[in-house]
Amino acid sequence: MNIEVGTRHMPLLECLSSETRVRIIEMLRERPMYVKEIADELALSSAIVTKHIQKLESAGIVSTRLAAGSRGKQKVCTLSLEQLVLRFRAADRTNEEPRHPSSYSVSIPVGHYTRYQVKPSCGLASPRKLIGLLDDPRYFAEPEHVEAHHLWFASGYVEYQVPNYLVGDARVKEIRIAMEIGAEAPGYKEDWPSDISFSLNGIPLGAWTCPGDFGSQRGLLNPDWWGAEHSQHGVLKTLLVNEEGSYIDGVRMSDTTAEALGLTSGSDIRLRILSAEDARYPGGVSLYGSRFGNYAHDIEVTVGY
């Protein structure tokens, strides 16, 4: 978010004037949390924390939703604002244009892959049920796969078609992709590294080593029927391809730039997520959508041009 400092943004600016609210932001940076968890950690009552959360939510910094907890339905708080830029001077359009004056964003459900090649252990789950049989790759072709909010495979890939809304002579200058992702072990195993590779249109962006397949703590958004013996959540990772290279959470992966992708109006934009059998750590992939895991969003893509 990029805002000009002024009175019309007072609700947001006031949020940052409270040490308690800043501490809540620091806590939610690590993971989504129940209101009760935040209250316990801050040694405050749930009622006081709820008021702080309401202010953060009204400012667009935090989002909340109800999820099943140990004491019935509880409010889960998630950090929804990735960054905030405060402008104290009005932008001087005559000397310097914004780096990427135009962009669009899309949410791609994890079940909306367009190509796949996977090997067991593998499977698909919607918020209501398992889709097909476990460890049978044939069910990745089941039409119901579009309803999946969680999928996993021990090796192979899934590929997603990102909508291309460019017109005229516009060219892609930046792509940002955020997803909740983990490794895939039988059942789950926290210490299970996996080299996960990413590419766009067959051009490698780089690889990241996921530390494990996380299951010791229940995913905050998982449906009640999802068993504790399964993988529970991933970690939130953000890929960025810009004019300088390719990054994951700000760490450089490769020299592949947006220019090297050559994306213009009419180009396909195909995102592939791969766990190769010949990788140093062939530990599989788990993906979590907006109703599984810890983060209430799907694969979020922003294209700047």
Protein backbone atom coordinates (compact mmCIF):
# COMPACT_ATOMS: atom_id res chain seq x y z
CA MET A 1 0.00 0.00 0.00
CA ASN A 2 1.25 3.49 -0.91
CA ILE A 3 -0.45 6.43 0.79
CA GLU A 4 0.07 10.17 1.10
CA VAL A 5 0.24 11.28 4.74
CA GLY A 6 -2.93 13.25 5.48
CA THR A 7 -5.97 13.45 7.72
CA ARG A 8 -8.06 11.15 5.53
CA HIS A 9 -5.72 8.30 6.47
CA MET A 10 -5.91 8.95 10.22
CA PRO A 11 -7.51 5.55 11.10
CA LEU A 12 -4.50 3.79 9.59
CA LEU A 13 -1.90 6.18 11.03
CA GLU A 14 -3.47 5.98 14.50
CA CYS A 15 -3.07 2.20 14.43
CA LEU A 16 0.70 2.60 14.42
CA SER A 17 0.69 5.01 17.39
CA SER A 18 -0.15 2.22 19.85
CA GLU A 19 2.65 0.00 21.17
CA THR A 20 0.11 -2.77 21.79
CA ARG A 21 -1.11 -2.72 18.18
CA VAL A 22 2.45 -2.70 16.87
CA ARG A 23 3.22 -5.71 19.07
CA ILE A 24 0.15 -7.46 17.64
CA ILE A 25 1.46 -6.77 14.12
CA GLU A 26 4.84 -8.24 15.12
CA MET A 27 3.14 -11.38 16.43
CA LEU A 28 0.95 -11.82 13.34
CA ARG A 29 4.01 -11.41 11.14
CA GLU A 30 5.09 -14.84 12.37
CA ARG A 31 1.74 -16.63 11.93
CA PRO A 32 -2.04 -16.15 12.17
CA MET A 33 -3.30 -16.32 15.75
CA TYR A 34 -6.51 -16.63 17.72
CA VAL A 35 -7.58 -13.57 19.73
CA LYS A 36 -7.21 -15.63 22.92
CA GLU A 37 -3.60 -16.51 22.02
CA ILE A 38 -2.76 -12.84 21.46
CA ALA A 39 -4.41 -11.87 24.74
CA ASP A 40 -2.49 -14.52 26.68
CA GLU A 41 0.84 -13.49 25.18
CA LEU A 42 0.24 -9.80 25.88
CA ALA A 43 -1.27 -10.47 29.33
CA LEU A 44 -4.40 -8.54 28.36
CA SER A 45 -8.07 -9.43 28.38
CA SER A 46 -9.64 -10.77 25.19
CA ALA A 47 -12.04 -7.80 25.21
CA ILE A 48 -9.19 -5.28 25.07
CA VAL A 49 -7.36 -7.24 22.37
CA THR A 50 -10.59 -7.45 20.35
CA LYS A 51 -10.84 -3.64 20.34
CA HIS A 52 -7.26 -3.35 19.08
CA ILE A 53 -7.97 -5.96 16.39
CA GLN A 54 -11.07 -4.04 15.29
CA LYS A 55 -8.97 -0.91 14.76
CA LEU A 56 -6.36 -2.86 12.80
CA GLU A 57 -9.07 -4.51 10.74
CA SER A 58 -10.84 -1.23 9.92
CA ALA A 59 -7.49 0.14 8.71
CA GLY A 60 -6.96 -2.86 6.42
CA ILE A 61 -3.87 -4.06 8.29
CA VAL A 62 -5.42 -7.23 9.72
CA SER A 63 -8.21 -9.53 8.52
CA THR A 64 -10.24 -11.91 10.68
CA ARG A 65 -12.46 -14.94 10.20
CA LEU A 66 -14.12 -17.54 12.39
CA ALA A 67 -12.50 -20.98 12.52
CA ALA A 68 -12.95 -24.10 14.62
CA GLY A 69 -10.87 -24.07 17.79
CA SER A 70 -10.59 -26.05 21.01
CA ARG A 71 -13.51 -24.05 22.45
CA GLY A 72 -15.78 -23.95 19.42
CA LYS A 73 -15.67 -21.19 16.81
CA GLN A 74 -12.92 -18.66 17.49
CA LYS A 75 -11.73 -15.58 15.65
CA VAL A 76 -8.48 -16.04 13.70
CA CYS A 77 -6.42 -12.92 12.97
CA THR A 78 -4.17 -12.71 9.91
CA LEU A 79 -1.82 -9.94 8.80
CA SER A 80 -3.24 -8.80 5.45
CA LEU A 81 -1.02 -5.80 4.63
CA GLU A 82 2.40 -6.74 3.25
CA GLN A 83 3.98 -3.31 3.14
CA LEU A 84 3.10 0.34 3.68
CA VAL A 85 4.83 3.29 2.02
CA LEU A 86 4.17 6.73 3.52
CA ARG A 87 4.60 9.71 1.19
CA PHE A 88 5.19 13.05 2.94
CA ARG A 89 5.50 15.02 -0.30
CA ALA A 90 3.12 14.89 -3.22
CA ALA A 91 4.50 12.76 -6.04
CA ASP A 92 6.31 14.86 -8.66
CA ARG A 93 4.95 13.38 -11.87
CA THR A 94 6.96 15.74 -14.06
CA ASN A 95 10.35 14.36 -13.03
CA GLU A 96 9.75 10.74 -12.10
CA GLU A 97 6.97 8.35 -12.95
CA PRO A 98 6.07 5.53 -10.55
CA ARG A 99 8.14 2.47 -11.27
CA HIS A 100 5.10 0.42 -12.23
CA PRO A 101 2.14 2.78 -12.68
CA SER A 102 -0.19 -0.04 -13.71
CA SER A 103 -0.85 -3.46 -12.22
CA TYR A 104 -3.57 -6.02 -11.69
CA SER A 105 -4.02 -8.78 -9.13
CA VAL A 106 -5.68 -12.20 -9.33
CA SER A 107 -6.32 -15.02 -6.85
CA ILE A 108 -5.84 -18.51 -8.26
CA PRO A 109 -7.34 -21.36 -6.18
CA VAL A 110 -4.81 -24.15 -5.65
CA GLY A 111 -7.14 -26.62 -7.37
CA HIS A 112 -7.22 -24.58 -10.59
CA TYR A 113 -4.06 -26.05 -12.10
CA THR A 114 -4.13 -26.58 -15.87
CA ARG A 115 -1.36 -29.20 -16.15
CA TYR A 116 0.11 -31.71 -13.74
CA GLN A 117 2.41 -34.70 -13.44
CA VAL A 118 2.54 -36.14 -9.94
CA LYS A 119 3.60 -39.28 -8.08
CA PRO A 120 2.42 -40.68 -4.71
CA SER A 121 2.08 -39.90 -1.96
CA CYS A 122 -0.46 -37.49 -3.42
CA GLY A 123 -3.99 -36.28 -2.98
CA LEU A 124 -6.57 -33.51 -3.10
CA ALA A 125 -8.96 -32.14 -0.49
CA SER A 126 -11.82 -29.67 -0.66
CA PRO A 127 -13.26 -27.99 2.45
CA ARG A 128 -15.92 -30.75 2.50
CA LYS A 129 -14.07 -33.97 1.67
CA LEU A 130 -11.19 -35.79 0.02
CA ILE A 131 -11.40 -35.69 -3.76
CA GLY A 132 -11.00 -39.21 -5.12
CA LEU A 133 -8.66 -41.77 -3.58
CA LEU A 134 -5.43 -41.05 -1.78
CA ASP A 135 -2.14 -41.76 -3.56
CA ASP A 136 -3.81 -42.20 -6.96
CA PRO A 137 -2.56 -39.57 -9.48
CA ARG A 138 -5.52 -40.29 -11.78
CA TYR A 139 -7.76 -38.22 -9.52
CA PHE A 140 -5.79 -35.09 -10.32
CA ALA A 141 -7.81 -35.23 -13.58
CA GLU A 142 -11.12 -35.50 -11.70
CA PRO A 143 -13.30 -32.48 -12.66
CA GLU A 144 -13.80 -31.77 -8.96
CA HIS A 145 -10.11 -30.89 -8.67
CA VAL A 146 -11.07 -27.22 -9.14
CA GLU A 147 -12.71 -27.36 -5.69
CA ALA A 148 -9.46 -28.38 -3.96
CA HIS A 149 -8.12 -26.07 -1.26
CA HIS A 150 -5.25 -28.42 -0.40
CA LEU A 151 -3.13 -30.65 -2.63
CA TRP A 152 0.08 -32.57 -2.20
CA PHE A 153 2.48 -34.81 -4.13
CA ALA A 154 5.80 -36.53 -3.43
CA SER A 155 7.34 -35.58 -6.78
CA GLY A 156 6.31 -33.93 -10.02
CA TYR A 157 4.63 -30.60 -10.70
CA VAL A 158 1.45 -28.61 -10.98
CA GLU A 159 1.13 -25.73 -13.42
CA TYR A 160 -1.21 -22.73 -13.27
CA GLN A 161 -2.32 -20.40 -16.05
CA VAL A 162 -2.11 -16.80 -14.83
CA PRO A 163 -4.60 -14.52 -16.65
CA ASN A 164 -2.92 -12.00 -18.95
CA TYR A 165 -4.89 -8.73 -19.03
CA LEU A 166 -2.26 -6.67 -20.86
CA VAL A 167 -3.32 -4.69 -23.93
CA GLY A 168 -1.50 -2.91 -26.73
CA ASP A 169 2.27 -2.71 -26.39
CA ALA A 170 2.34 -3.18 -22.60
CA ARG A 171 5.08 -5.43 -21.23
CA VAL A 172 5.33 -7.13 -17.86
CA LYS A 173 7.83 -5.33 -15.61
CA GLU A 174 7.21 -7.25 -12.38
CA ILE A 175 5.38 -10.35 -11.12
CA ARG A 176 4.75 -11.02 -7.43
CA ILE A 177 3.36 -14.42 -6.36
CA ALA A 178 2.42 -15.33 -2.78
CA MET A 179 1.37 -18.81 -1.62
CA GLU A 180 1.23 -21.06 1.43
CA ILE A 181 3.49 -24.01 0.69
CA GLY A 182 5.24 -26.91 2.40
CA ALA A 183 6.95 -30.23 1.73
CA GLU A 184 5.16 -33.61 1.47
CA ALA A 185 6.14 -36.52 3.70
CA PRO A 186 4.08 -39.65 4.43
CA GLY A 187 1.73 -38.42 7.15
CA TYR A 188 3.86 -35.44 8.08
CA LYS A 189 7.41 -34.80 9.23
CA GLU A 190 8.63 -31.43 10.47
CA ASP A 191 12.25 -32.20 9.52
CA TRP A 192 11.75 -33.13 5.86
CA PRO A 193 13.61 -30.73 3.55
CA SER A 194 12.36 -30.34 0.01
CA ASP A 195 13.93 -28.47 -2.92
CA ILE A 196 10.96 -26.78 -4.60
CA SER A 197 11.57 -25.12 -7.97
CA PHE A 198 9.56 -22.38 -9.67
CA SER A 199 9.37 -21.41 -13.34
CA LEU A 200 7.36 -19.13 -15.61
CA ASN A 201 6.75 -20.29 -19.18
CA GLY A 202 9.46 -22.90 -18.74
CA ILE A 203 12.09 -20.34 -17.70
CA PRO A 204 13.56 -21.26 -14.28
CA LEU A 205 13.20 -18.65 -11.56
CA GLY A 206 15.12 -20.65 -8.98
CA ALA A 207 14.59 -23.07 -6.12
CA TRP A 208 13.90 -22.83 -2.41
CA THR A 209 14.52 -25.51 0.21
CA CYS A 210 11.43 -25.93 2.37
CA PRO A 211 12.45 -27.15 5.84
CA GLY A 212 9.62 -29.63 6.34
CA ASP A 213 6.07 -30.93 6.12
CA PHE A 214 4.33 -29.26 9.05
CA GLY A 215 1.80 -31.15 11.14
CA SER A 216 2.56 -30.80 14.85
CA GLN A 217 0.17 -27.84 15.20
CA ARG A 218 -3.27 -27.89 13.64
CA GLY A 219 -3.84 -25.53 10.72
CA LEU A 220 -6.03 -22.65 11.86
CA LEU A 221 -8.30 -22.85 8.82
CA ASN A 222 -8.54 -26.63 8.38
CA PRO A 223 -12.07 -28.09 8.34
CA ASP A 224 -13.18 -30.09 11.37
CA TRP A 225 -13.07 -33.42 9.50
CA TRP A 226 -9.37 -33.07 8.58
CA GLY A 227 -7.43 -35.50 10.78
CA ALA A 228 -4.49 -34.62 13.01
CA GLU A 229 -2.40 -37.35 11.33
CA HIS A 230 -2.19 -35.29 8.12
CA SER A 231 -0.11 -32.27 7.08
CA GLN A 232 -1.63 -29.18 8.70
CA HIS A 233 -0.14 -26.02 7.22
CA GLY A 234 2.69 -24.54 5.20
CA VAL A 235 4.68 -21.32 5.31
CA LEU A 236 3.83 -18.13 3.46
CA LYS A 237 6.36 -17.44 0.69
CA THR A 238 6.47 -14.57 -1.80
CA LEU A 239 8.19 -14.84 -5.18
CA LEU A 240 9.20 -11.65 -6.98
CA VAL A 241 10.48 -11.32 -10.53
CA ASN A 242 11.44 -7.77 -11.46
CA GLU A 243 13.94 -5.84 -13.57
CA GLU A 244 16.85 -6.98 -11.38
CA GLY A 245 16.24 -10.70 -10.93
CA SER A 246 14.15 -13.34 -9.16
CA TYR A 247 13.69 -13.42 -5.39
CA ILE A 248 11.90 -15.37 -2.67
CA ASP A 249 11.08 -13.34 0.45
CA GLY A 250 13.70 -10.82 -0.68
CA VAL A 251 16.48 -13.41 -1.07
CA ARG A 252 17.88 -13.61 -4.59
CA MET A 253 17.26 -16.95 -6.34
CA SER A 254 18.53 -16.24 -9.85
CA ASP A 255 19.35 -13.60 -12.46
CA THR A 256 16.11 -14.27 -14.37
CA THR A 257 14.48 -10.88 -14.93
CA ALA A 258 11.01 -9.85 -16.03
CA GLU A 259 12.55 -8.70 -19.31
CA ALA A 260 13.95 -12.21 -19.89
CA LEU A 261 10.41 -13.59 -19.65
CA GLY A 262 9.35 -11.38 -22.58
CA LEU A 263 5.71 -11.21 -21.49
CA THR A 264 3.48 -8.96 -23.57
CA SER A 265 -0.22 -8.79 -24.38
CA GLY A 266 -1.29 -12.16 -25.72
CA SER A 267 1.52 -14.08 -23.98
CA ASP A 268 0.78 -17.13 -21.89
CA ILE A 269 1.83 -16.81 -18.25
CA ARG A 270 2.33 -20.34 -16.90
CA LEU A 271 3.52 -20.82 -13.33
CA ARG A 272 5.01 -24.24 -12.55
CA ILE A 273 5.75 -25.53 -9.04
CA LEU A 274 8.05 -28.55 -9.15
CA SER A 275 9.63 -31.13 -6.86
CA ALA A 276 12.15 -33.01 -9.00
CA GLU A 277 13.08 -36.62 -8.22
CA ASP A 278 16.76 -35.87 -8.89
CA ALA A 279 16.91 -32.84 -6.57
CA ARG A 280 19.28 -32.89 -3.60
CA TYR A 281 16.22 -32.93 -1.33
CA PRO A 282 13.33 -34.51 -3.27
CA GLY A 283 10.78 -33.85 -0.53
CA GLY A 284 7.58 -33.10 -2.44
CA VAL A 285 5.11 -30.21 -2.37
CA SER A 286 2.01 -29.32 -0.35
CA LEU A 287 -0.12 -26.31 -1.29
CA TYR A 288 -2.80 -24.70 0.87
CA GLY A 289 -5.68 -22.51 -0.29
CA SER A 290 -7.91 -20.03 1.49
CA ARG A 291 -9.77 -22.65 3.56
CA PHE A 292 -6.84 -24.84 4.60
CA GLY A 293 -3.62 -24.16 6.47
CA ASN A 294 -2.91 -20.91 8.30
CA TYR A 295 -3.45 -18.17 5.71
CA ALA A 296 -6.83 -17.22 4.28
CA HIS A 297 -5.79 -16.72 0.68
CA ASP A 298 -5.08 -18.71 -2.46
CA ILE A 299 -2.16 -18.24 -4.87
CA GLU A 300 -2.07 -14.44 -5.07
CA VAL A 301 -0.51 -12.95 -8.20
CA THR A 302 0.17 -9.27 -8.92
CA VAL A 303 1.41 -8.30 -12.38
CA GLY A 304 3.02 -4.87 -12.85
CA TYR A 305 3.47 -3.42 -16.33
